[in-house]
Amino acid sequence: MDNSLAMKDDIILTDAYQRQFSYLRLSITDLCNFKCSYCLPNGYEGKASQNELRLDEIKTLIASFAELGFKKIRLTGGEPSLRKDLLQVIDICKSQPGIEKVCITTNGYRLNHFLPQWIAAGIDQVNISIDSLSPEQFELITASSDLPMIIGALNRAIDGGFTAIKINTVLLREHRDSQVMPLIDWVKDKPIALRFIELMQTGDNGEFFNRQHFSADKVKDLLVDQGWTEKSRLIHAGPAVEYRHSSYPGSVGVIAPYSENFCDTCNRLRVTAQGQLHLCLFSEEGKDLRHLLQTTDSEPLTEFLRSSIYEKLPKHYLQQQKTGATRHFAMLGG
């Protein structure tokens, strides 16, 4: 039997539109230390939340999702490396039977220090946000001068044999000349995956979105013109349409949320650092799970998830400028 079909049979959580869910994006903090223009241009305002999920709550949470056939966990933020017990969170996820892949998304803060730790802890994949290879443009976008350090840490990991690395780039009209072709050319020589992410509107970025948005379909067209071909989508994969080229070890993906039928293959649920379940990145509100995490018994949460999944809508409504409760991406990790 084909392995992908065998795994699909293990997935229990199915919504009213026959979409099967196997991928959890878990935010472990909404604190972030970068000031990315498309997310938190004024930086994280206020103090770090004091009510982030505890380790014992995370353990019950992961056990419940595993029982429902979830195979992939992505740890997000904010910036997850700002949480001091991150290695313990990774261990909880890695040690849970049924979980096959544990990933992390990071802005690259102190990556030279953290990446070797994560690799030693058994992390399966690391996504790094690099919005430009130009240090000047990178700093304009993120208010960080860390790009040389991030690139150095990434290259050392590749030289050491760790190539399960994805680069996330949010497409911005103002910076596209320093983004699209320079990054495509860069990844041609590296056995890693590049992801171009179309800018999405949130509750806080309406004016910015109108100035900076351009369609990711233009990047797809460019790739096809250059001889890249679309890859088959894996069952537990994220939303990117992935392309490969026979001449290059790297791959390029495009996440185009405004494209037709984008939501048809959704396989992801999100939980915030405070234990709110979001059926969609742009749902109107979260569902509180916290009261179901105060025990080692995972059954109450699994039953709650079974019933809640039928409330998931067939698609987001970004085309109608309906951004739901998402004010900025640090809330949910994108």
Protein backbone atom coordinates (compact mmCIF):
# COMPACT_ATOMS: atom_id res chain seq x y z
CA MET A 1 0.00 0.00 0.00
CA ASP A 2 1.18 3.55 -0.75
CA ASN A 3 2.58 5.08 2.47
CA SER A 4 0.75 8.38 1.98
CA LEU A 5 -2.56 6.54 1.76
CA ALA A 6 -1.74 4.54 4.86
CA MET A 7 -1.05 7.71 6.80
CA LYS A 8 -4.25 9.27 5.52
CA ASP A 9 -6.26 6.39 6.95
CA ASP A 10 -4.90 7.25 10.38
CA ILE A 11 -6.26 10.80 10.27
CA ILE A 12 -9.43 11.03 12.32
CA LEU A 13 -10.35 14.71 12.31
CA THR A 14 -12.41 15.51 9.20
CA ASP A 15 -14.58 18.57 8.68
CA ALA A 16 -17.90 19.05 6.88
CA TYR A 17 -16.06 19.57 3.59
CA GLN A 18 -14.10 16.29 3.85
CA ARG A 19 -10.82 18.04 4.59
CA GLN A 20 -8.57 15.96 6.85
CA PHE A 21 -6.42 17.59 9.51
CA SER A 22 -2.98 16.36 10.49
CA TYR A 23 -0.95 19.54 11.07
CA LEU A 24 -0.97 21.68 14.23
CA ARG A 25 0.61 25.11 14.39
CA LEU A 26 1.21 25.79 18.08
CA SER A 27 2.21 29.27 19.19
CA ILE A 28 4.19 29.09 22.44
CA THR A 29 4.57 32.86 22.90
CA ASP A 30 3.22 35.98 21.24
CA LEU A 31 6.31 37.93 22.30
CA CYS A 32 8.54 39.05 19.43
CA ASN A 33 11.75 41.11 19.42
CA PHE A 34 11.73 42.14 15.74
CA LYS A 35 9.78 45.04 14.26
CA CYS A 36 8.79 43.63 10.88
CA SER A 37 6.98 46.20 8.78
CA TYR A 38 4.22 43.75 7.80
CA CYS A 39 3.53 42.49 11.32
CA LEU A 40 4.70 44.60 14.30
CA PRO A 41 6.16 47.81 12.83
CA ASN A 42 6.16 49.44 16.28
CA GLY A 43 7.49 46.34 17.99
CA TYR A 44 5.79 44.23 20.61
CA GLU A 45 3.74 46.64 22.69
CA GLY A 46 3.30 45.94 26.37
CA LYS A 47 4.76 43.21 28.53
CA ALA A 48 5.08 39.57 27.64
CA SER A 49 1.96 37.61 28.46
CA GLN A 50 2.07 35.87 31.84
CA ASN A 51 -0.48 33.24 30.89
CA GLU A 52 1.32 31.24 28.24
CA LEU A 53 0.56 27.54 28.17
CA ARG A 54 2.52 25.59 30.77
CA LEU A 55 4.53 22.50 29.89
CA ASP A 56 1.99 20.14 31.46
CA GLU A 57 -0.80 21.79 29.46
CA ILE A 58 1.23 21.50 26.26
CA LYS A 59 1.76 17.81 26.96
CA THR A 60 -1.99 17.15 27.25
CA LEU A 61 -2.62 19.27 24.17
CA ILE A 62 -0.09 17.39 22.03
CA ALA A 63 -1.36 14.02 23.27
CA SER A 64 -4.92 14.91 22.24
CA PHE A 65 -3.94 16.02 18.76
CA ALA A 66 -1.80 12.90 18.32
CA GLU A 67 -4.76 10.71 19.25
CA LEU A 68 -6.71 12.38 16.46
CA GLY A 69 -4.08 11.43 13.91
CA PHE A 70 -2.06 14.64 13.81
CA LYS A 71 1.44 13.91 12.52
CA LYS A 72 3.10 17.31 12.28
CA ILE A 73 3.64 20.03 14.89
CA ARG A 74 5.04 23.45 14.05
CA LEU A 75 6.17 25.60 16.98
CA THR A 76 5.66 29.29 16.30
CA GLY A 77 5.34 32.61 18.08
CA GLY A 78 5.84 35.53 18.14
CA GLU A 79 9.42 34.36 18.31
CA PRO A 80 9.53 30.89 19.92
CA SER A 81 13.21 31.14 20.89
CA LEU A 82 12.26 33.82 23.43
CA ARG A 83 10.61 31.11 25.51
CA LYS A 84 13.24 29.78 27.90
CA ASP A 85 11.80 26.27 28.10
CA LEU A 86 11.67 25.79 24.33
CA LEU A 87 13.92 22.70 24.41
CA GLN A 88 11.50 21.08 26.85
CA VAL A 89 8.60 21.90 24.54
CA ILE A 90 10.47 20.27 21.66
CA ASP A 91 11.10 17.19 23.80
CA ILE A 92 7.40 16.91 24.68
CA CYS A 93 6.47 16.99 21.01
CA LYS A 94 9.24 14.62 19.90
CA SER A 95 8.42 12.04 22.57
CA GLN A 96 4.69 11.88 21.82
CA PRO A 97 3.78 8.65 19.99
CA GLY A 98 2.21 9.37 16.62
CA ILE A 99 3.94 12.69 16.02
CA GLU A 100 6.24 12.23 13.04
CA LYS A 101 7.57 15.72 12.42
CA VAL A 102 8.36 18.61 14.77
CA CYS A 103 9.25 21.93 13.15
CA ILE A 104 9.95 25.46 14.29
CA THR A 105 9.58 28.87 12.66
CA THR A 106 11.98 31.59 13.78
CA ASN A 107 12.99 35.13 12.90
CA GLY A 108 16.61 34.02 13.28
CA TYR A 109 17.32 35.76 16.59
CA ARG A 110 20.57 34.31 17.99
CA LEU A 111 20.35 31.52 15.43
CA ASN A 112 24.09 30.87 15.74
CA HIS A 113 23.43 29.90 19.37
CA PHE A 114 20.02 28.24 19.07
CA LEU A 115 20.17 26.26 15.82
CA PRO A 116 22.79 23.75 17.04
CA GLN A 117 20.67 23.22 20.18
CA TRP A 118 17.52 22.56 18.18
CA ILE A 119 19.29 20.15 15.87
CA ALA A 120 20.71 18.28 18.88
CA ALA A 121 17.20 18.15 20.38
CA GLY A 122 15.97 16.37 17.24
CA ILE A 123 14.06 19.14 15.48
CA ASP A 124 12.98 17.89 12.07
CA GLN A 125 12.76 21.18 10.20
CA VAL A 126 13.55 24.85 10.74
CA ASN A 127 11.83 27.71 8.93
CA ILE A 128 13.80 30.97 8.99
CA SER A 129 12.33 34.33 8.01
CA ILE A 130 14.65 36.08 5.56
CA ASP A 131 12.82 38.84 3.71
CA SER A 132 15.85 40.02 1.73
CA LEU A 133 19.47 39.02 1.19
CA SER A 134 20.47 42.68 1.21
CA PRO A 135 21.50 43.64 4.78
CA GLU A 136 20.18 47.15 4.19
CA GLN A 137 16.81 45.98 2.88
CA PHE A 138 16.60 43.31 5.58
CA GLU A 139 17.07 45.95 8.26
CA LEU A 140 14.49 48.24 6.66
CA ILE A 141 11.94 45.42 6.80
CA THR A 142 12.76 43.93 10.21
CA ALA A 143 14.64 46.68 12.12
CA SER A 144 17.31 44.01 12.74
CA SER A 145 20.95 43.96 11.64
CA ASP A 146 21.22 40.19 12.24
CA LEU A 147 21.22 39.03 8.60
CA PRO A 148 24.97 38.19 8.39
CA MET A 149 24.72 36.14 11.60
CA ILE A 150 21.61 34.34 10.33
CA ILE A 151 23.21 33.47 6.99
CA GLY A 152 26.37 32.27 8.74
CA ALA A 153 24.41 29.99 11.09
CA LEU A 154 22.38 28.63 8.18
CA ASN A 155 25.50 27.86 6.13
CA ARG A 156 27.19 26.09 9.06
CA ALA A 157 24.12 23.91 9.54
CA ILE A 158 24.09 22.97 5.85
CA ASP A 159 27.82 22.22 5.91
CA GLY A 160 27.16 19.99 8.92
CA GLY A 161 24.57 17.99 7.01
CA PHE A 162 21.34 19.58 8.27
CA THR A 163 19.40 20.64 5.19
CA ALA A 164 15.82 20.50 6.50
CA ILE A 165 15.67 24.28 6.26
CA LYS A 166 13.03 26.50 4.73
CA ILE A 167 13.38 30.20 4.10
CA ASN A 168 10.23 32.31 4.44
CA THR A 169 10.02 35.56 2.49
CA VAL A 170 6.99 37.84 2.69
CA LEU A 171 6.54 39.49 -0.68
CA LEU A 172 6.50 43.29 -0.54
CA ARG A 173 6.03 45.48 -3.59
CA GLU A 174 8.60 48.02 -2.40
CA HIS A 175 11.33 45.40 -1.95
CA ARG A 176 10.55 42.84 -4.64
CA ASP A 177 13.66 43.67 -6.68
CA SER A 178 15.81 42.66 -3.69
CA GLN A 179 13.62 39.65 -2.93
CA VAL A 180 12.43 37.57 -5.84
CA MET A 181 15.32 36.97 -8.24
CA PRO A 182 18.17 37.34 -5.68
CA LEU A 183 16.56 34.70 -3.45
CA ILE A 184 15.75 32.35 -6.34
CA ASP A 185 19.34 32.61 -7.56
CA TRP A 186 20.63 32.05 -4.02
CA VAL A 187 18.66 28.87 -3.42
CA LYS A 188 19.80 27.38 -6.75
CA ASP A 189 23.06 26.38 -5.03
CA LYS A 190 21.61 25.25 -1.70
CA PRO A 191 19.71 22.04 -0.87
CA ILE A 192 17.01 23.96 0.99
CA ALA A 193 13.50 25.22 0.32
CA LEU A 194 12.52 28.82 -0.31
CA ARG A 195 8.96 30.02 0.36
CA PHE A 196 7.53 33.23 -1.06
CA ILE A 197 4.50 34.25 0.98
CA GLU A 198 1.95 36.66 -0.45
CA LEU A 199 1.26 39.53 1.93
CA MET A 200 -2.04 39.06 3.72
CA GLN A 201 -4.24 41.73 5.19
CA THR A 202 -4.75 41.72 8.96
CA GLY A 203 -6.71 43.96 11.28
CA ASP A 204 -3.72 46.23 11.91
CA ASN A 205 -2.07 46.50 8.49
CA GLY A 206 -4.80 47.69 6.09
CA GLU A 207 -2.98 50.78 4.80
CA PHE A 208 0.34 48.94 4.59
CA PHE A 209 -1.33 46.07 2.71
CA ASN A 210 -2.78 48.42 0.11
CA ARG A 211 0.68 49.92 -0.52
CA GLN A 212 2.76 46.75 -0.49
CA HIS A 213 0.65 43.86 -1.76
CA PHE A 214 1.33 42.22 -5.09
CA SER A 215 0.07 38.89 -6.36
CA ALA A 216 2.15 35.78 -5.73
CA ASP A 217 0.82 34.42 -9.02
CA LYS A 218 3.43 36.64 -10.72
CA VAL A 219 6.16 34.62 -8.97
CA LYS A 220 4.55 31.36 -10.11
CA ASP A 221 4.56 32.61 -13.69
CA LEU A 222 8.22 33.60 -13.38
CA LEU A 223 9.20 30.17 -12.10
CA VAL A 224 7.39 28.38 -14.91
CA ASP A 225 9.05 30.65 -17.46
CA GLN A 226 12.45 29.68 -15.99
CA GLY A 227 11.77 25.96 -16.31
CA TRP A 228 10.68 25.14 -12.77
CA THR A 229 7.97 22.46 -12.55
CA GLU A 230 5.29 21.99 -9.91
CA LYS A 231 5.83 19.16 -7.41
CA SER A 232 3.16 16.82 -6.09
CA ARG A 233 1.79 17.92 -2.75
CA LEU A 234 2.52 15.71 0.27
CA ILE A 235 -0.36 14.93 2.60
CA HIS A 236 1.00 16.70 5.71
CA ALA A 237 2.56 19.59 3.80
CA GLY A 238 1.81 23.23 4.35
CA PRO A 239 -0.06 25.44 1.89
CA ALA A 240 2.81 26.17 -0.52
CA VAL A 241 2.70 25.19 -4.18
CA GLU A 242 6.23 23.83 -4.58
CA TYR A 243 8.46 23.92 -7.64
CA ARG A 244 11.66 22.08 -8.50
CA HIS A 245 14.23 22.40 -11.27
CA SER A 246 16.32 19.58 -12.67
CA SER A 247 19.48 21.74 -12.52
CA TYR A 248 19.27 22.86 -8.90
CA PRO A 249 19.30 21.16 -5.48
CA GLY A 250 16.98 23.73 -3.88
CA SER A 251 13.24 24.17 -4.31
CA VAL A 252 10.92 27.16 -4.38
CA GLY A 253 7.41 27.34 -2.99
CA VAL A 254 4.72 29.97 -3.31
CA ILE A 255 1.99 30.57 -0.75
CA ALA A 256 -0.77 32.47 -2.52
CA PRO A 257 -3.74 32.86 -0.15
CA TYR A 258 -5.66 35.04 -2.60
CA SER A 259 -5.60 32.40 -5.32
CA GLU A 260 -8.70 30.44 -6.23
CA ASN A 261 -9.40 27.28 -4.19
CA PHE A 262 -6.55 28.04 -1.75
CA CYS A 263 -8.52 26.64 1.18
CA ASP A 264 -9.58 23.39 -0.48
CA THR A 265 -6.52 21.49 0.79
CA CYS A 266 -6.38 23.03 4.26
CA ASN A 267 -5.02 20.51 6.76
CA ARG A 268 -4.03 22.87 9.60
CA LEU A 269 -5.38 24.01 12.94
CA ARG A 270 -3.85 26.65 15.18
CA VAL A 271 -3.59 27.06 18.95
CA THR A 272 -2.42 30.30 20.51
CA ALA A 273 0.04 30.65 23.37
CA GLN A 274 -2.93 31.18 25.69
CA GLY A 275 -4.73 28.02 24.60
CA GLN A 276 -7.21 29.42 22.08
CA LEU A 277 -8.10 27.13 19.18
CA HIS A 278 -8.41 28.91 15.82
CA LEU A 279 -10.00 26.87 13.07
CA CYS A 280 -8.61 29.35 10.54
CA LEU A 281 -5.89 32.00 10.61
CA PHE A 282 -8.67 34.50 9.91
CA SER A 283 -11.45 33.11 12.10
CA GLU A 284 -13.61 35.60 13.96
CA GLU A 285 -12.70 34.25 17.37
CA GLY A 286 -10.80 31.53 19.15
CA LYS A 287 -12.24 28.70 21.21
CA ASP A 288 -10.87 28.41 24.71
CA LEU A 289 -9.17 25.05 25.37
CA ARG A 290 -7.48 25.97 28.63
CA HIS A 291 -10.06 24.38 30.91
CA LEU A 292 -9.59 21.08 29.07
CA LEU A 293 -5.84 21.03 29.71
CA GLN A 294 -5.91 20.85 33.49
CA THR A 295 -5.66 17.07 33.53
CA THR A 296 -3.52 14.38 31.94
CA ASP A 297 -6.70 12.89 30.49
CA SER A 298 -6.74 13.89 26.82
CA GLU A 299 -10.21 12.56 26.04
CA PRO A 300 -12.19 15.75 26.90
CA LEU A 301 -10.09 17.77 24.48
CA THR A 302 -10.27 15.17 21.70
CA GLU A 303 -14.07 15.17 21.97
CA PHE A 304 -14.14 18.98 21.94
CA LEU A 305 -12.01 19.02 18.80
CA ARG A 306 -14.20 16.41 17.10
CA SER A 307 -17.27 18.57 17.58
CA SER A 308 -15.61 21.93 16.91
CA ILE A 309 -14.15 20.97 13.54
CA TYR A 310 -17.59 21.08 11.93
CA GLU A 311 -17.70 24.82 12.55
CA LYS A 312 -14.75 25.40 10.23
CA LEU A 313 -15.85 27.47 7.24
CA PRO A 314 -15.18 26.36 3.66
CA LYS A 315 -12.70 29.21 3.09
CA HIS A 316 -11.32 32.44 4.43
CA TYR A 317 -12.82 35.69 3.17
CA LEU A 318 -9.70 37.76 2.62
CA GLN A 319 -10.91 38.79 -0.82
CA GLN A 320 -13.77 40.58 0.95
CA GLN A 321 -11.28 42.22 3.40
CA LYS A 322 -12.62 40.07 6.26
CA THR A 323 -9.58 39.43 8.45
CA GLY A 324 -11.37 38.03 11.48
CA ALA A 325 -9.75 38.42 14.89
CA THR A 326 -6.17 38.40 13.56
CA ARG A 327 -4.74 41.86 14.26
CA HIS A 328 -1.17 40.79 13.42
CA PHE A 329 0.64 37.52 12.72
CA ALA A 330 2.51 37.43 16.04
CA MET A 331 -0.82 36.46 17.59
CA LEU A 332 -0.95 33.12 15.78
CA GLY A 333 2.41 32.56 14.16
CA GLY A 334 1.04 33.03 10.64
